[in-house]
Amino acid sequence: LIAQGTQPVNGQNGKVEFYFDTSSDRKPA
């Protein structure tokens, strides 16, 4: 093996950064 191509790297989708707790896993103590 003397040469290898480079695979494309797909981009990442934009995200929403939340400033409050969105978790639905609310277990009582």
ModelCIF file with pLDDT and N, C-alpha, C, O atoms, coordinates in Angstrom:
data_MODEL
#
_entry.id   MODEL 
#
_entity.id                         1 
_entity.type                       polymer 
_entity.pdbx_number_of_molecules   1 
#
_entity_poly.entity_id                      1 
_entity_poly.type                           'polypeptide(L)' 
_entity_poly.nstd_linkage                   no 
_entity_poly.nstd_monomer                   no 
_entity_poly.pdbx_seq_one_letter_code       LIAQGTQPVNGQNGKVEFYFDTSSDRKPA 
_entity_poly.pdbx_seq_one_letter_code_can   LIAQGTQPVNGQNGKVEFYFDTSSDRKPA 
_entity_poly.pdbx_strand_id                 A 
#
loop_
_entity_poly_seq.entity_id 
_entity_poly_seq.num 
_entity_poly_seq.mon_id 
_entity_poly_seq.hetero 
1 1  LEU n 
1 2  ILE n 
1 3  ALA n 
1 4  GLN n 
1 5  GLY n 
1 6  THR n 
1 7  GLN n 
1 8  PRO n 
1 9  VAL n 
1 10 ASN n 
1 11 GLY n 
1 12 GLN n 
1 13 ASN n 
1 14 GLY n 
1 15 LYS n 
1 16 VAL n 
1 17 GLU n 
1 18 PHE n 
1 19 TYR n 
1 20 PHE n 
1 21 ASP n 
1 22 THR n 
1 23 SER n 
1 24 SER n 
1 25 ASP n 
1 26 ARG n 
1 27 LYS n 
1 28 PRO n 
1 29 ALA n 
#
_struct_asym.id          A 
_struct_asym.entity_id   1 
#
loop_
_ma_qa_metric.id 
_ma_qa_metric.mode 
_ma_qa_metric.name 
_ma_qa_metric.software_group_id 
_ma_qa_metric.type 
1 global pLDDT . pLDDT 
2 local  pLDDT . pLDDT 
#
_ma_qa_metric_global.metric_id      1 
_ma_qa_metric_global.metric_value   84.62 
_ma_qa_metric_global.model_id       1 
_ma_qa_metric_global.ordinal_id     1 
#
loop_
_ma_qa_metric_local.label_asym_id 
_ma_qa_metric_local.label_comp_id 
_ma_qa_metric_local.label_seq_id 
_ma_qa_metric_local.metric_id 
_ma_qa_metric_local.metric_value 
_ma_qa_metric_local.model_id 
_ma_qa_metric_local.ordinal_id 
A LEU 1  2 93.00 1 1  
A ILE 2  2 93.00 1 2  
A ALA 3  2 94.00 1 3  
A GLN 4  2 94.00 1 4  
A GLY 5  2 93.00 1 5  
A THR 6  2 94.00 1 6  
A GLN 7  2 93.00 1 7  
A PRO 8  2 93.00 1 8  
A VAL 9  2 93.00 1 9  
A ASN 10 2 93.00 1 10 
A GLY 11 2 92.00 1 11 
A GLN 12 2 93.00 1 12 
A ASN 13 2 93.00 1 13 
A GLY 14 2 93.00 1 14 
A LYS 15 2 94.00 1 15 
A VAL 16 2 94.00 1 16 
A GLU 17 2 94.00 1 17 
A PHE 18 2 94.00 1 18 
A TYR 19 2 92.00 1 19 
A PHE 20 2 89.00 1 20 
A ASP 21 2 83.00 1 21 
A THR 22 2 82.00 1 22 
A SER 23 2 73.00 1 23 
A SER 24 2 59.00 1 24 
A ASP 25 2 58.00 1 25 
A ARG 26 2 57.00 1 26 
A LYS 27 2 60.00 1 27 
A PRO 28 2 60.00 1 28 
A ALA 29 2 61.00 1 29 
#
loop_
_atom_site.group_PDB 
_atom_site.id 
_atom_site.type_symbol 
_atom_site.label_atom_id 
_atom_site.label_alt_id 
_atom_site.label_comp_id 
_atom_site.label_asym_id 
_atom_site.label_entity_id 
_atom_site.label_seq_id 
_atom_site.pdbx_PDB_ins_code 
_atom_site.Cartn_x 
_atom_site.Cartn_y 
_atom_site.Cartn_z 
_atom_site.occupancy 
_atom_site.B_iso_or_equiv 
_atom_site.pdbx_formal_charge 
_atom_site.auth_seq_id 
_atom_site.auth_comp_id 
_atom_site.auth_asym_id 
_atom_site.auth_atom_id 
_atom_site.pdbx_PDB_model_num 
ATOM 1   N N  . LEU A 1 1  ? 0.849   -1.183 0.000  1.00 93.00 ? 1  LEU A N  1 
ATOM 2   C CA . LEU A 1 1  ? 0.000   0.000  0.000  1.00 93.00 ? 1  LEU A CA 1 
ATOM 3   C C  . LEU A 1 1  ? 0.889   1.238  0.000  1.00 93.00 ? 1  LEU A C  1 
ATOM 4   O O  . LEU A 1 1  ? 1.588   1.508  0.977  1.00 93.00 ? 1  LEU A O  1 
ATOM 5   N N  . ILE A 1 2  ? 0.859   1.984  -1.092 1.00 93.00 ? 2  ILE A N  1 
ATOM 6   C CA . ILE A 1 2  ? 1.764   3.116  -1.265 1.00 93.00 ? 2  ILE A CA 1 
ATOM 7   C C  . ILE A 1 2  ? 1.041   4.452  -1.159 1.00 93.00 ? 2  ILE A C  1 
ATOM 8   O O  . ILE A 1 2  ? 1.656   5.468  -0.836 1.00 93.00 ? 2  ILE A O  1 
ATOM 9   N N  . ALA A 1 3  ? -0.270  4.455  -1.431 1.00 94.00 ? 3  ALA A N  1 
ATOM 10  C CA . ALA A 1 3  ? -1.010  5.717  -1.390 1.00 94.00 ? 3  ALA A CA 1 
ATOM 11  C C  . ALA A 1 3  ? -2.430  5.479  -0.893 1.00 94.00 ? 3  ALA A C  1 
ATOM 12  O O  . ALA A 1 3  ? -3.042  4.459  -1.210 1.00 94.00 ? 3  ALA A O  1 
ATOM 13  N N  . GLN A 1 4  ? -2.947  6.414  -0.121 1.00 94.00 ? 4  GLN A N  1 
ATOM 14  C CA . GLN A 1 4  ? -4.317  6.351  0.374  1.00 94.00 ? 4  GLN A CA 1 
ATOM 15  C C  . GLN A 1 4  ? -4.994  7.694  0.196  1.00 94.00 ? 4  GLN A C  1 
ATOM 16  O O  . GLN A 1 4  ? -4.409  8.744  0.462  1.00 94.00 ? 4  GLN A O  1 
ATOM 17  N N  . GLY A 1 5  ? -6.242  7.645  -0.261 1.00 93.00 ? 5  GLY A N  1 
ATOM 18  C CA . GLY A 1 5  ? -7.012  8.876  -0.357 1.00 93.00 ? 5  GLY A CA 1 
ATOM 19  C C  . GLY A 1 5  ? -7.487  9.315  1.012  1.00 93.00 ? 5  GLY A C  1 
ATOM 20  O O  . GLY A 1 5  ? -7.333  8.589  1.994  1.00 93.00 ? 5  GLY A O  1 
ATOM 21  N N  . THR A 1 6  ? -8.055  10.481 1.074  1.00 94.00 ? 6  THR A N  1 
ATOM 22  C CA . THR A 1 6  ? -8.606  10.987 2.330  1.00 94.00 ? 6  THR A CA 1 
ATOM 23  C C  . THR A 1 6  ? -10.132 11.004 2.223  1.00 94.00 ? 6  THR A C  1 
ATOM 24  O O  . THR A 1 6  ? -10.699 11.520 1.259  1.00 94.00 ? 6  THR A O  1 
ATOM 25  N N  . GLN A 1 7  ? -10.775 10.431 3.230  1.00 93.00 ? 7  GLN A N  1 
ATOM 26  C CA . GLN A 1 7  ? -12.231 10.385 3.237  1.00 93.00 ? 7  GLN A CA 1 
ATOM 27  C C  . GLN A 1 7  ? -12.792 11.778 3.541  1.00 93.00 ? 7  GLN A C  1 
ATOM 28  O O  . GLN A 1 7  ? -12.188 12.545 4.290  1.00 93.00 ? 7  GLN A O  1 
ATOM 29  N N  . PRO A 1 8  ? -13.952 12.098 2.955  1.00 93.00 ? 8  PRO A N  1 
ATOM 30  C CA . PRO A 1 8  ? -14.566 13.380 3.297  1.00 93.00 ? 8  PRO A CA 1 
ATOM 31  C C  . PRO A 1 8  ? -15.052 13.359 4.737  1.00 93.00 ? 8  PRO A C  1 
ATOM 32  O O  . PRO A 1 8  ? -15.461 12.314 5.244  1.00 93.00 ? 8  PRO A O  1 
ATOM 33  N N  . VAL A 1 9  ? -15.009 14.485 5.381  1.00 93.00 ? 9  VAL A N  1 
ATOM 34  C CA . VAL A 1 9  ? -15.522 14.616 6.750  1.00 93.00 ? 9  VAL A CA 1 
ATOM 35  C C  . VAL A 1 9  ? -16.764 15.494 6.695  1.00 93.00 ? 9  VAL A C  1 
ATOM 36  O O  . VAL A 1 9  ? -16.678 16.693 6.428  1.00 93.00 ? 9  VAL A O  1 
ATOM 37  N N  . ASN A 1 10 ? -17.910 14.892 6.947  1.00 93.00 ? 10 ASN A N  1 
ATOM 38  C CA . ASN A 1 10 ? -19.151 15.654 6.912  1.00 93.00 ? 10 ASN A CA 1 
ATOM 39  C C  . ASN A 1 10 ? -19.195 16.673 8.038  1.00 93.00 ? 10 ASN A C  1 
ATOM 40  O O  . ASN A 1 10 ? -18.667 16.455 9.128  1.00 93.00 ? 10 ASN A O  1 
ATOM 41  N N  . GLY A 1 11 ? -19.832 17.776 7.743  1.00 92.00 ? 11 GLY A N  1 
ATOM 42  C CA . GLY A 1 11 ? -19.953 18.811 8.756  1.00 92.00 ? 11 GLY A CA 1 
ATOM 43  C C  . GLY A 1 11 ? -20.921 18.415 9.851  1.00 92.00 ? 11 GLY A C  1 
ATOM 44  O O  . GLY A 1 11 ? -21.546 17.356 9.784  1.00 92.00 ? 11 GLY A O  1 
ATOM 45  N N  . GLN A 1 12 ? -21.045 19.254 10.849 1.00 93.00 ? 12 GLN A N  1 
ATOM 46  C CA . GLN A 1 12 ? -21.961 19.003 11.962 1.00 93.00 ? 12 GLN A CA 1 
ATOM 47  C C  . GLN A 1 12 ? -23.104 20.005 11.895 1.00 93.00 ? 12 GLN A C  1 
ATOM 48  O O  . GLN A 1 12 ? -22.907 21.190 11.630 1.00 93.00 ? 12 GLN A O  1 
ATOM 49  N N  . ASN A 1 13 ? -24.303 19.492 12.144 1.00 93.00 ? 13 ASN A N  1 
ATOM 50  C CA . ASN A 1 13 ? -25.459 20.378 12.157 1.00 93.00 ? 13 ASN A CA 1 
ATOM 51  C C  . ASN A 1 13 ? -25.359 21.383 13.292 1.00 93.00 ? 13 ASN A C  1 
ATOM 52  O O  . ASN A 1 13 ? -24.754 21.123 14.332 1.00 93.00 ? 13 ASN A O  1 
ATOM 53  N N  . GLY A 1 14 ? -25.959 22.520 13.065 1.00 93.00 ? 14 GLY A N  1 
ATOM 54  C CA . GLY A 1 14 ? -26.022 23.505 14.134 1.00 93.00 ? 14 GLY A CA 1 
ATOM 55  C C  . GLY A 1 14 ? -26.801 22.956 15.317 1.00 93.00 ? 14 GLY A C  1 
ATOM 56  O O  . GLY A 1 14 ? -27.592 22.025 15.170 1.00 93.00 ? 14 GLY A O  1 
ATOM 57  N N  . LYS A 1 15 ? -26.577 23.531 16.480 1.00 94.00 ? 15 LYS A N  1 
ATOM 58  C CA . LYS A 1 15 ? -27.233 23.056 17.700 1.00 94.00 ? 15 LYS A CA 1 
ATOM 59  C C  . LYS A 1 15 ? -27.894 24.214 18.433 1.00 94.00 ? 15 LYS A C  1 
ATOM 60  O O  . LYS A 1 15 ? -27.607 25.386 18.193 1.00 94.00 ? 15 LYS A O  1 
ATOM 61  N N  . VAL A 1 16 ? -28.782 23.837 19.328 1.00 94.00 ? 16 VAL A N  1 
ATOM 62  C CA . VAL A 1 16 ? -29.401 24.820 20.215 1.00 94.00 ? 16 VAL A CA 1 
ATOM 63  C C  . VAL A 1 16 ? -28.778 24.649 21.595 1.00 94.00 ? 16 VAL A C  1 
ATOM 64  O O  . VAL A 1 16 ? -28.836 23.568 22.181 1.00 94.00 ? 16 VAL A O  1 
ATOM 65  N N  . GLU A 1 17 ? -28.189 25.708 22.105 1.00 94.00 ? 17 GLU A N  1 
ATOM 66  C CA . GLU A 1 17 ? -27.606 25.676 23.449 1.00 94.00 ? 17 GLU A CA 1 
ATOM 67  C C  . GLU A 1 17 ? -28.625 26.247 24.435 1.00 94.00 ? 17 GLU A C  1 
ATOM 68  O O  . GLU A 1 17 ? -29.010 27.413 24.346 1.00 94.00 ? 17 GLU A O  1 
ATOM 69  N N  . PHE A 1 18 ? -29.051 25.406 25.369 1.00 94.00 ? 18 PHE A N  1 
ATOM 70  C CA . PHE A 1 18 ? -30.073 25.816 26.328 1.00 94.00 ? 18 PHE A CA 1 
ATOM 71  C C  . PHE A 1 18 ? -29.428 26.364 27.598 1.00 94.00 ? 18 PHE A C  1 
ATOM 72  O O  . PHE A 1 18 ? -28.382 25.885 28.034 1.00 94.00 ? 18 PHE A O  1 
ATOM 73  N N  . TYR A 1 19 ? -30.071 27.376 28.183 1.00 92.00 ? 19 TYR A N  1 
ATOM 74  C CA . TYR A 1 19 ? -29.578 27.975 29.416 1.00 92.00 ? 19 TYR A CA 1 
ATOM 75  C C  . TYR A 1 19 ? -30.458 27.606 30.603 1.00 92.00 ? 19 TYR A C  1 
ATOM 76  O O  . TYR A 1 19 ? -30.438 28.284 31.629 1.00 92.00 ? 19 TYR A O  1 
ATOM 77  N N  . PHE A 1 20 ? -31.243 26.513 30.462 1.00 89.00 ? 20 PHE A N  1 
ATOM 78  C CA . PHE A 1 20 ? -32.043 25.983 31.563 1.00 89.00 ? 20 PHE A CA 1 
ATOM 79  C C  . PHE A 1 20 ? -32.088 24.470 31.406 1.00 89.00 ? 20 PHE A C  1 
ATOM 80  O O  . PHE A 1 20 ? -31.713 23.937 30.362 1.00 89.00 ? 20 PHE A O  1 
ATOM 81  N N  . ASP A 1 21 ? -32.545 23.785 32.438 1.00 83.00 ? 21 ASP A N  1 
ATOM 82  C CA . ASP A 1 21 ? -32.562 22.322 32.440 1.00 83.00 ? 21 ASP A CA 1 
ATOM 83  C C  . ASP A 1 21 ? -33.739 21.817 31.617 1.00 83.00 ? 21 ASP A C  1 
ATOM 84  O O  . ASP A 1 21 ? -34.897 22.073 31.948 1.00 83.00 ? 21 ASP A O  1 
ATOM 85  N N  . THR A 1 22 ? -33.428 21.088 30.530 1.00 82.00 ? 22 THR A N  1 
ATOM 86  C CA . THR A 1 22 ? -34.487 20.530 29.678 1.00 82.00 ? 22 THR A CA 1 
ATOM 87  C C  . THR A 1 22 ? -34.723 19.055 29.972 1.00 82.00 ? 22 THR A C  1 
ATOM 88  O O  . THR A 1 22 ? -35.555 18.426 29.320 1.00 82.00 ? 22 THR A O  1 
ATOM 89  N N  . SER A 1 23 ? -34.010 18.494 30.937 1.00 73.00 ? 23 SER A N  1 
ATOM 90  C CA . SER A 1 23 ? -34.098 17.054 31.197 1.00 73.00 ? 23 SER A CA 1 
ATOM 91  C C  . SER A 1 23 ? -35.492 16.661 31.640 1.00 73.00 ? 23 SER A C  1 
ATOM 92  O O  . SER A 1 23 ? -36.133 17.340 32.442 1.00 73.00 ? 23 SER A O  1 
ATOM 93  N N  . SER A 1 24 ? -35.948 15.523 31.083 1.00 59.00 ? 24 SER A N  1 
ATOM 94  C CA . SER A 1 24 ? -37.259 14.988 31.482 1.00 59.00 ? 24 SER A CA 1 
ATOM 95  C C  . SER A 1 24 ? -37.113 13.886 32.527 1.00 59.00 ? 24 SER A C  1 
ATOM 96  O O  . SER A 1 24 ? -38.113 13.331 32.982 1.00 59.00 ? 24 SER A O  1 
ATOM 97  N N  . ASP A 1 25 ? -35.873 13.563 32.914 1.00 58.00 ? 25 ASP A N  1 
ATOM 98  C CA . ASP A 1 25 ? -35.640 12.485 33.871 1.00 58.00 ? 25 ASP A CA 1 
ATOM 99  C C  . ASP A 1 25 ? -35.668 13.072 35.278 1.00 58.00 ? 25 ASP A C  1 
ATOM 100 O O  . ASP A 1 25 ? -34.625 13.299 35.893 1.00 58.00 ? 25 ASP A O  1 
ATOM 101 N N  . ARG A 1 26 ? -36.867 13.312 35.771 1.00 57.00 ? 26 ARG A N  1 
ATOM 102 C CA . ARG A 1 26 ? -37.024 13.995 37.046 1.00 57.00 ? 26 ARG A CA 1 
ATOM 103 C C  . ARG A 1 26 ? -37.471 12.996 38.099 1.00 57.00 ? 26 ARG A C  1 
ATOM 104 O O  . ARG A 1 26 ? -38.668 12.802 38.307 1.00 57.00 ? 26 ARG A O  1 
ATOM 105 N N  . LYS A 1 27 ? -36.525 12.371 38.755 1.00 60.00 ? 27 LYS A N  1 
ATOM 106 C CA . LYS A 1 27 ? -36.860 11.375 39.752 1.00 60.00 ? 27 LYS A CA 1 
ATOM 107 C C  . LYS A 1 27 ? -36.863 12.016 41.133 1.00 60.00 ? 27 LYS A C  1 
ATOM 108 O O  . LYS A 1 27 ? -35.906 12.695 41.506 1.00 60.00 ? 27 LYS A O  1 
ATOM 109 N N  . PRO A 1 28 ? -37.941 11.802 41.897 1.00 60.00 ? 28 PRO A N  1 
ATOM 110 C CA . PRO A 1 28 ? -37.932 12.309 43.267 1.00 60.00 ? 28 PRO A CA 1 
ATOM 111 C C  . PRO A 1 28 ? -36.883 11.585 44.096 1.00 60.00 ? 28 PRO A C  1 
ATOM 112 O O  . PRO A 1 28 ? -36.515 10.449 43.797 1.00 60.00 ? 28 PRO A O  1 
ATOM 113 N N  . ALA A 1 29 ? -36.406 12.254 45.141 1.00 61.00 ? 29 ALA A N  1 
ATOM 114 C CA . ALA A 1 29 ? -35.353 11.677 45.980 1.00 61.00 ? 29 ALA A CA 1 
ATOM 115 C C  . ALA A 1 29 ? -35.924 10.563 46.855 1.00 61.00 ? 29 ALA A C  1 
ATOM 116 O O  . ALA A 1 29 ? -35.192 9.952  47.633 1.00 61.00 ? 29 ALA A O  1 
#
